[in-house]
Amino acid sequence: MSSHASLVAGLAAAGALALAGCGGGDTKKSTAKAPAAAATKTVSIKNFMYAPVAAQSSAGGQIRFTNADSAAHTVTADDGSFDSGTLQRGATKGITFAKAGTFAYHCAFHPYMKGKVVVS
């Protein structure tokens, strides 16, 4: 039986016990674990640099870009697949990466600023 089917069967049995007013019986807990949510990582923009230059994420994870610099910046994919728009000082933009790959980006205002996200 799949873990999903076991979970559904366990929930149905627990509901039946509750409705029947039974307080006793087996109280074992399911050991099935829910899939872990992809973590959010942070990239700071400071001193006209992205830090870290190479951010790591898992598919479905989000990278949060925060502009801690004195000038406005962007996070613009080299291939055009994403763009943060203009990030003024103190602004934050989260970008979610749905699939695995390496995604190079730059600042549209300062093209020498470069970074990449590696998604596994």
N, C-alpha and C. Protein backbone atom coordinates (compact mmCIF):
# COMPACT_ATOMS: atom_id res chain seq x y z
N MET A 1 0.85 -1.17 0.00
CA MET A 1 0.00 0.00 0.00
C MET A 1 0.90 1.24 0.00
N SER A 2 0.59 2.25 -0.80
CA SER A 2 1.42 3.45 -0.85
C SER A 2 1.29 4.23 0.46
N SER A 3 2.29 5.10 0.72
CA SER A 3 2.24 5.88 1.95
C SER A 3 1.04 6.82 1.95
N HIS A 4 0.63 7.29 0.78
CA HIS A 4 -0.55 8.16 0.70
C HIS A 4 -1.80 7.37 1.08
N ALA A 5 -1.92 6.15 0.53
CA ALA A 5 -3.08 5.32 0.84
C ALA A 5 -3.08 4.95 2.32
N SER A 6 -1.91 4.68 2.89
CA SER A 6 -1.83 4.36 4.31
C SER A 6 -2.27 5.54 5.16
N LEU A 7 -1.85 6.72 4.76
CA LEU A 7 -2.23 7.93 5.49
C LEU A 7 -3.74 8.13 5.43
N VAL A 8 -4.33 7.97 4.24
CA VAL A 8 -5.78 8.13 4.09
C VAL A 8 -6.51 7.10 4.93
N ALA A 9 -6.04 5.84 4.90
CA ALA A 9 -6.68 4.79 5.69
C ALA A 9 -6.56 5.09 7.18
N GLY A 10 -5.40 5.59 7.61
CA GLY A 10 -5.20 5.93 9.02
C GLY A 10 -6.11 7.06 9.46
N LEU A 11 -6.25 8.06 8.62
CA LEU A 11 -7.13 9.19 8.95
C LEU A 11 -8.58 8.73 9.01
N ALA A 12 -8.98 7.85 8.10
CA ALA A 12 -10.35 7.34 8.11
C ALA A 12 -10.61 6.55 9.39
N ALA A 13 -9.65 5.74 9.81
CA ALA A 13 -9.82 4.95 11.03
C ALA A 13 -9.90 5.87 12.25
N ALA A 14 -9.07 6.90 12.29
CA ALA A 14 -9.10 7.83 13.41
C ALA A 14 -10.44 8.55 13.47
N GLY A 15 -10.94 8.94 12.30
CA GLY A 15 -12.25 9.61 12.26
C GLY A 15 -13.35 8.69 12.73
N ALA A 16 -13.29 7.42 12.34
CA ALA A 16 -14.31 6.46 12.77
C ALA A 16 -14.28 6.27 14.27
N LEU A 17 -13.09 6.20 14.87
CA LEU A 17 -12.97 6.06 16.32
C LEU A 17 -13.54 7.29 17.03
N ALA A 18 -13.25 8.45 16.51
CA ALA A 18 -13.75 9.67 17.14
C ALA A 18 -15.27 9.73 17.09
N LEU A 19 -15.84 9.35 15.95
CA LEU A 19 -17.29 9.37 15.81
C LEU A 19 -17.96 8.32 16.69
N ALA A 20 -17.29 7.20 16.91
CA ALA A 20 -17.86 6.13 17.72
C ALA A 20 -17.70 6.39 19.21
N GLY A 21 -16.93 7.41 19.55
CA GLY A 21 -16.73 7.74 20.96
C GLY A 21 -15.72 6.84 21.64
N CYS A 22 -14.93 6.14 20.87
CA CYS A 22 -13.93 5.24 21.45
C CYS A 22 -12.68 6.03 21.77
N GLY A 23 -12.21 5.93 22.96
CA GLY A 23 -10.99 6.64 23.34
C GLY A 23 -9.79 5.73 23.36
N GLY A 24 -9.98 4.42 23.35
CA GLY A 24 -8.86 3.49 23.47
C GLY A 24 -8.37 3.06 22.12
N GLY A 25 -7.57 2.02 22.14
CA GLY A 25 -7.07 1.46 20.89
C GLY A 25 -5.63 1.83 20.65
N ASP A 26 -5.14 1.47 19.48
CA ASP A 26 -3.76 1.70 19.10
C ASP A 26 -3.54 3.18 18.82
N THR A 27 -2.53 3.76 19.42
CA THR A 27 -2.27 5.19 19.26
C THR A 27 -0.96 5.43 18.51
N LYS A 28 -0.52 4.47 17.69
CA LYS A 28 0.72 4.65 16.92
C LYS A 28 0.54 5.80 15.95
N LYS A 29 1.61 6.59 15.79
CA LYS A 29 1.58 7.70 14.86
C LYS A 29 2.19 7.27 13.54
N SER A 30 1.73 7.87 12.47
CA SER A 30 2.28 7.60 11.15
C SER A 30 3.71 8.10 11.09
N THR A 31 4.57 7.34 10.44
CA THR A 31 5.96 7.76 10.28
C THR A 31 6.19 8.40 8.92
N ALA A 32 5.15 8.56 8.11
CA ALA A 32 5.30 9.19 6.80
C ALA A 32 5.64 10.66 6.99
N LYS A 33 6.59 11.13 6.20
CA LYS A 33 7.00 12.53 6.29
C LYS A 33 6.53 13.28 5.06
N ALA A 34 6.09 14.49 5.28
CA ALA A 34 5.70 15.34 4.16
C ALA A 34 6.97 15.79 3.45
N PRO A 35 6.88 16.03 2.13
CA PRO A 35 8.07 16.50 1.43
C PRO A 35 8.51 17.85 1.99
N ALA A 36 9.82 18.02 2.10
CA ALA A 36 10.36 19.27 2.64
C ALA A 36 10.13 20.40 1.64
N ALA A 37 9.74 21.54 2.15
CA ALA A 37 9.56 22.71 1.30
C ALA A 37 10.94 23.25 0.90
N ALA A 38 11.03 23.75 -0.33
CA ALA A 38 12.30 24.32 -0.78
C ALA A 38 12.57 25.59 0.02
N ALA A 39 13.79 25.74 0.44
CA ALA A 39 14.17 26.87 1.28
C ALA A 39 14.36 28.14 0.45
N THR A 40 14.16 29.27 1.10
CA THR A 40 14.42 30.56 0.47
C THR A 40 15.84 30.98 0.83
N LYS A 41 16.61 31.34 -0.17
CA LYS A 41 17.98 31.81 0.03
C LYS A 41 18.01 33.31 -0.24
N THR A 42 19.02 33.98 0.27
CA THR A 42 19.14 35.43 0.11
C THR A 42 20.43 35.80 -0.61
N VAL A 43 20.31 36.72 -1.56
CA VAL A 43 21.47 37.32 -2.21
C VAL A 43 21.39 38.81 -1.92
N SER A 44 22.48 39.35 -1.37
CA SER A 44 22.55 40.79 -1.08
C SER A 44 23.22 41.50 -2.25
N ILE A 45 22.75 42.70 -2.50
CA ILE A 45 23.38 43.55 -3.50
C ILE A 45 24.02 44.70 -2.73
N LYS A 46 25.35 44.72 -2.71
CA LYS A 46 26.07 45.71 -1.92
C LYS A 46 27.42 45.99 -2.56
N ASN A 47 27.84 47.25 -2.53
CA ASN A 47 29.12 47.66 -3.13
C ASN A 47 29.19 47.26 -4.60
N PHE A 48 28.04 47.37 -5.29
CA PHE A 48 27.95 47.08 -6.72
C PHE A 48 28.37 45.64 -7.03
N MET A 49 27.97 44.72 -6.12
CA MET A 49 28.24 43.29 -6.29
C MET A 49 27.06 42.49 -5.75
N TYR A 50 26.88 41.28 -6.28
CA TYR A 50 25.92 40.32 -5.74
C TYR A 50 26.70 39.42 -4.78
N ALA A 51 26.14 39.17 -3.62
CA ALA A 51 26.81 38.30 -2.64
C ALA A 51 25.81 37.32 -2.05
N PRO A 52 26.00 36.03 -2.25
CA PRO A 52 27.11 35.41 -2.98
C PRO A 52 26.93 35.56 -4.49
N VAL A 53 28.04 35.46 -5.20
CA VAL A 53 28.00 35.57 -6.67
C VAL A 53 27.28 34.36 -7.25
N ALA A 54 27.50 33.19 -6.66
CA ALA A 54 26.83 31.96 -7.11
C ALA A 54 25.93 31.45 -5.99
N ALA A 55 24.63 31.59 -6.16
CA ALA A 55 23.66 31.13 -5.16
C ALA A 55 23.18 29.74 -5.54
N GLN A 56 22.96 28.90 -4.53
CA GLN A 56 22.48 27.53 -4.73
C GLN A 56 21.01 27.44 -4.31
N SER A 57 20.23 26.66 -5.04
CA SER A 57 18.84 26.43 -4.69
C SER A 57 18.42 25.06 -5.20
N SER A 58 17.31 24.58 -4.69
CA SER A 58 16.71 23.37 -5.24
C SER A 58 15.53 23.80 -6.10
N ALA A 59 15.12 22.93 -7.01
CA ALA A 59 13.99 23.24 -7.89
C ALA A 59 12.78 23.59 -7.02
N GLY A 60 12.10 24.67 -7.36
CA GLY A 60 10.97 25.15 -6.58
C GLY A 60 11.38 26.12 -5.50
N GLY A 61 12.68 26.29 -5.31
CA GLY A 61 13.19 27.21 -4.28
C GLY A 61 13.17 28.65 -4.76
N GLN A 62 13.26 29.53 -3.81
CA GLN A 62 13.23 30.96 -4.12
C GLN A 62 14.54 31.60 -3.68
N ILE A 63 15.01 32.52 -4.50
CA ILE A 63 16.15 33.37 -4.15
C ILE A 63 15.58 34.76 -3.92
N ARG A 64 15.88 35.32 -2.77
CA ARG A 64 15.41 36.66 -2.43
C ARG A 64 16.59 37.62 -2.59
N PHE A 65 16.45 38.58 -3.51
CA PHE A 65 17.48 39.57 -3.79
C PHE A 65 17.14 40.85 -3.03
N THR A 66 18.09 41.33 -2.23
CA THR A 66 17.88 42.54 -1.43
C THR A 66 18.93 43.58 -1.79
N ASN A 67 18.47 44.77 -2.18
CA ASN A 67 19.40 45.84 -2.54
C ASN A 67 19.79 46.63 -1.30
N ALA A 68 21.01 46.42 -0.85
CA ALA A 68 21.55 47.15 0.30
C ALA A 68 22.57 48.18 -0.17
N ASP A 69 22.50 48.56 -1.43
CA ASP A 69 23.46 49.48 -2.02
C ASP A 69 22.89 50.89 -2.10
N SER A 70 23.74 51.84 -2.45
CA SER A 70 23.31 53.24 -2.55
C SER A 70 22.61 53.53 -3.88
N ALA A 71 22.80 52.68 -4.88
CA ALA A 71 22.21 52.89 -6.20
C ALA A 71 21.13 51.86 -6.49
N ALA A 72 20.29 52.17 -7.47
CA ALA A 72 19.28 51.21 -7.92
C ALA A 72 19.96 50.14 -8.77
N HIS A 73 19.43 48.91 -8.70
CA HIS A 73 19.98 47.79 -9.46
C HIS A 73 18.84 46.94 -9.99
N THR A 74 19.17 45.98 -10.87
CA THR A 74 18.23 44.97 -11.32
C THR A 74 18.88 43.60 -11.17
N VAL A 75 18.06 42.59 -11.26
CA VAL A 75 18.51 41.20 -11.38
C VAL A 75 17.86 40.72 -12.67
N THR A 76 18.64 40.72 -13.74
CA THR A 76 18.12 40.45 -15.08
C THR A 76 18.81 39.22 -15.66
N ALA A 77 18.02 38.20 -15.98
CA ALA A 77 18.59 36.97 -16.55
C ALA A 77 19.26 37.26 -17.88
N ASP A 78 20.43 36.67 -18.10
CA ASP A 78 21.14 36.84 -19.37
C ASP A 78 20.29 36.35 -20.53
N ASP A 79 19.47 35.30 -20.30
CA ASP A 79 18.64 34.75 -21.37
C ASP A 79 17.23 35.37 -21.41
N GLY A 80 16.97 36.36 -20.55
CA GLY A 80 15.68 37.05 -20.54
C GLY A 80 14.57 36.31 -19.81
N SER A 81 14.87 35.22 -19.12
CA SER A 81 13.83 34.41 -18.48
C SER A 81 13.25 35.04 -17.21
N PHE A 82 13.96 35.97 -16.60
CA PHE A 82 13.42 36.68 -15.43
C PHE A 82 14.05 38.05 -15.33
N ASP A 83 13.36 38.94 -14.65
CA ASP A 83 13.85 40.30 -14.42
C ASP A 83 13.16 40.84 -13.18
N SER A 84 13.93 41.33 -12.25
CA SER A 84 13.38 41.85 -11.00
C SER A 84 12.71 43.20 -11.17
N GLY A 85 13.00 43.88 -12.26
CA GLY A 85 12.62 45.27 -12.36
C GLY A 85 13.62 46.08 -11.53
N THR A 86 13.40 47.37 -11.45
CA THR A 86 14.32 48.22 -10.70
C THR A 86 14.14 48.01 -9.20
N LEU A 87 15.25 47.72 -8.54
CA LEU A 87 15.25 47.58 -7.08
C LEU A 87 15.94 48.80 -6.49
N GLN A 88 15.15 49.66 -5.87
CA GLN A 88 15.72 50.83 -5.19
C GLN A 88 16.39 50.37 -3.89
N ARG A 89 17.13 51.25 -3.27
CA ARG A 89 17.79 50.92 -2.00
C ARG A 89 16.77 50.39 -0.99
N GLY A 90 17.09 49.23 -0.38
CA GLY A 90 16.21 48.62 0.61
C GLY A 90 15.14 47.71 0.04
N ALA A 91 14.98 47.69 -1.28
CA ALA A 91 13.95 46.86 -1.90
C ALA A 91 14.38 45.40 -1.97
N THR A 92 13.40 44.52 -1.94
CA THR A 92 13.62 43.08 -2.03
C THR A 92 12.71 42.48 -3.08
N LYS A 93 13.23 41.51 -3.82
CA LYS A 93 12.44 40.81 -4.83
C LYS A 93 12.77 39.33 -4.76
N GLY A 94 11.75 38.49 -4.62
CA GLY A 94 11.94 37.04 -4.62
C GLY A 94 11.69 36.48 -6.01
N ILE A 95 12.58 35.60 -6.45
CA ILE A 95 12.42 34.94 -7.74
C ILE A 95 12.47 33.43 -7.48
N THR A 96 11.44 32.72 -7.95
CA THR A 96 11.34 31.28 -7.77
C THR A 96 11.88 30.58 -9.01
N PHE A 97 12.69 29.54 -8.77
CA PHE A 97 13.30 28.77 -9.85
C PHE A 97 12.66 27.38 -9.87
N ALA A 98 11.83 27.12 -10.88
CA ALA A 98 11.03 25.90 -10.94
C ALA A 98 11.81 24.69 -11.42
N LYS A 99 12.84 24.89 -12.24
CA LYS A 99 13.54 23.74 -12.80
C LYS A 99 15.05 23.85 -12.57
N ALA A 100 15.70 22.69 -12.69
CA ALA A 100 17.15 22.62 -12.49
C ALA A 100 17.88 23.31 -13.64
N GLY A 101 19.05 23.83 -13.34
CA GLY A 101 19.88 24.47 -14.35
C GLY A 101 20.74 25.55 -13.72
N THR A 102 21.52 26.20 -14.55
CA THR A 102 22.34 27.33 -14.12
C THR A 102 21.82 28.56 -14.83
N PHE A 103 21.50 29.58 -14.04
CA PHE A 103 20.86 30.78 -14.57
C PHE A 103 21.76 31.99 -14.28
N ALA A 104 22.40 32.49 -15.33
CA ALA A 104 23.28 33.65 -15.21
C ALA A 104 22.44 34.92 -15.26
N TYR A 105 22.86 35.92 -14.49
CA TYR A 105 22.14 37.20 -14.48
C TYR A 105 23.12 38.35 -14.32
N HIS A 106 22.61 39.56 -14.53
CA HIS A 106 23.42 40.77 -14.44
C HIS A 106 22.51 41.94 -14.02
N CYS A 107 23.12 43.08 -13.76
CA CYS A 107 22.38 44.31 -13.49
C CYS A 107 22.26 45.08 -14.80
N ALA A 108 21.04 45.43 -15.19
CA ALA A 108 20.83 46.15 -16.45
C ALA A 108 21.48 47.54 -16.43
N PHE A 109 21.61 48.13 -15.24
CA PHE A 109 22.23 49.46 -15.13
C PHE A 109 23.75 49.38 -15.06
N HIS A 110 24.26 48.29 -14.53
CA HIS A 110 25.70 48.11 -14.32
C HIS A 110 26.09 46.72 -14.84
N PRO A 111 26.26 46.57 -16.16
CA PRO A 111 26.45 45.25 -16.77
C PRO A 111 27.66 44.46 -16.26
N TYR A 112 28.60 45.13 -15.61
CA TYR A 112 29.75 44.42 -15.05
C TYR A 112 29.36 43.64 -13.79
N MET A 113 28.21 43.93 -13.22
CA MET A 113 27.71 43.17 -12.06
C MET A 113 27.10 41.88 -12.58
N LYS A 114 27.66 40.75 -12.17
CA LYS A 114 27.19 39.47 -12.66
C LYS A 114 27.04 38.48 -11.52
N GLY A 115 26.11 37.54 -11.69
CA GLY A 115 25.91 36.48 -10.73
C GLY A 115 25.25 35.30 -11.41
N LYS A 116 25.05 34.22 -10.64
CA LYS A 116 24.34 33.07 -11.19
C LYS A 116 23.65 32.33 -10.08
N VAL A 117 22.60 31.63 -10.47
CA VAL A 117 21.86 30.75 -9.56
C VAL A 117 22.00 29.34 -10.12
N VAL A 118 22.44 28.42 -9.27
CA VAL A 118 22.58 27.02 -9.65
C VAL A 118 21.46 26.25 -8.95
N VAL A 119 20.56 25.69 -9.75
CA VAL A 119 19.38 24.98 -9.22
C VAL A 119 19.54 23.49 -9.47
N SER A 120 19.44 22.70 -8.38
CA SER A 120 19.58 21.24 -8.52
C SER A 120 18.23 20.57 -8.42
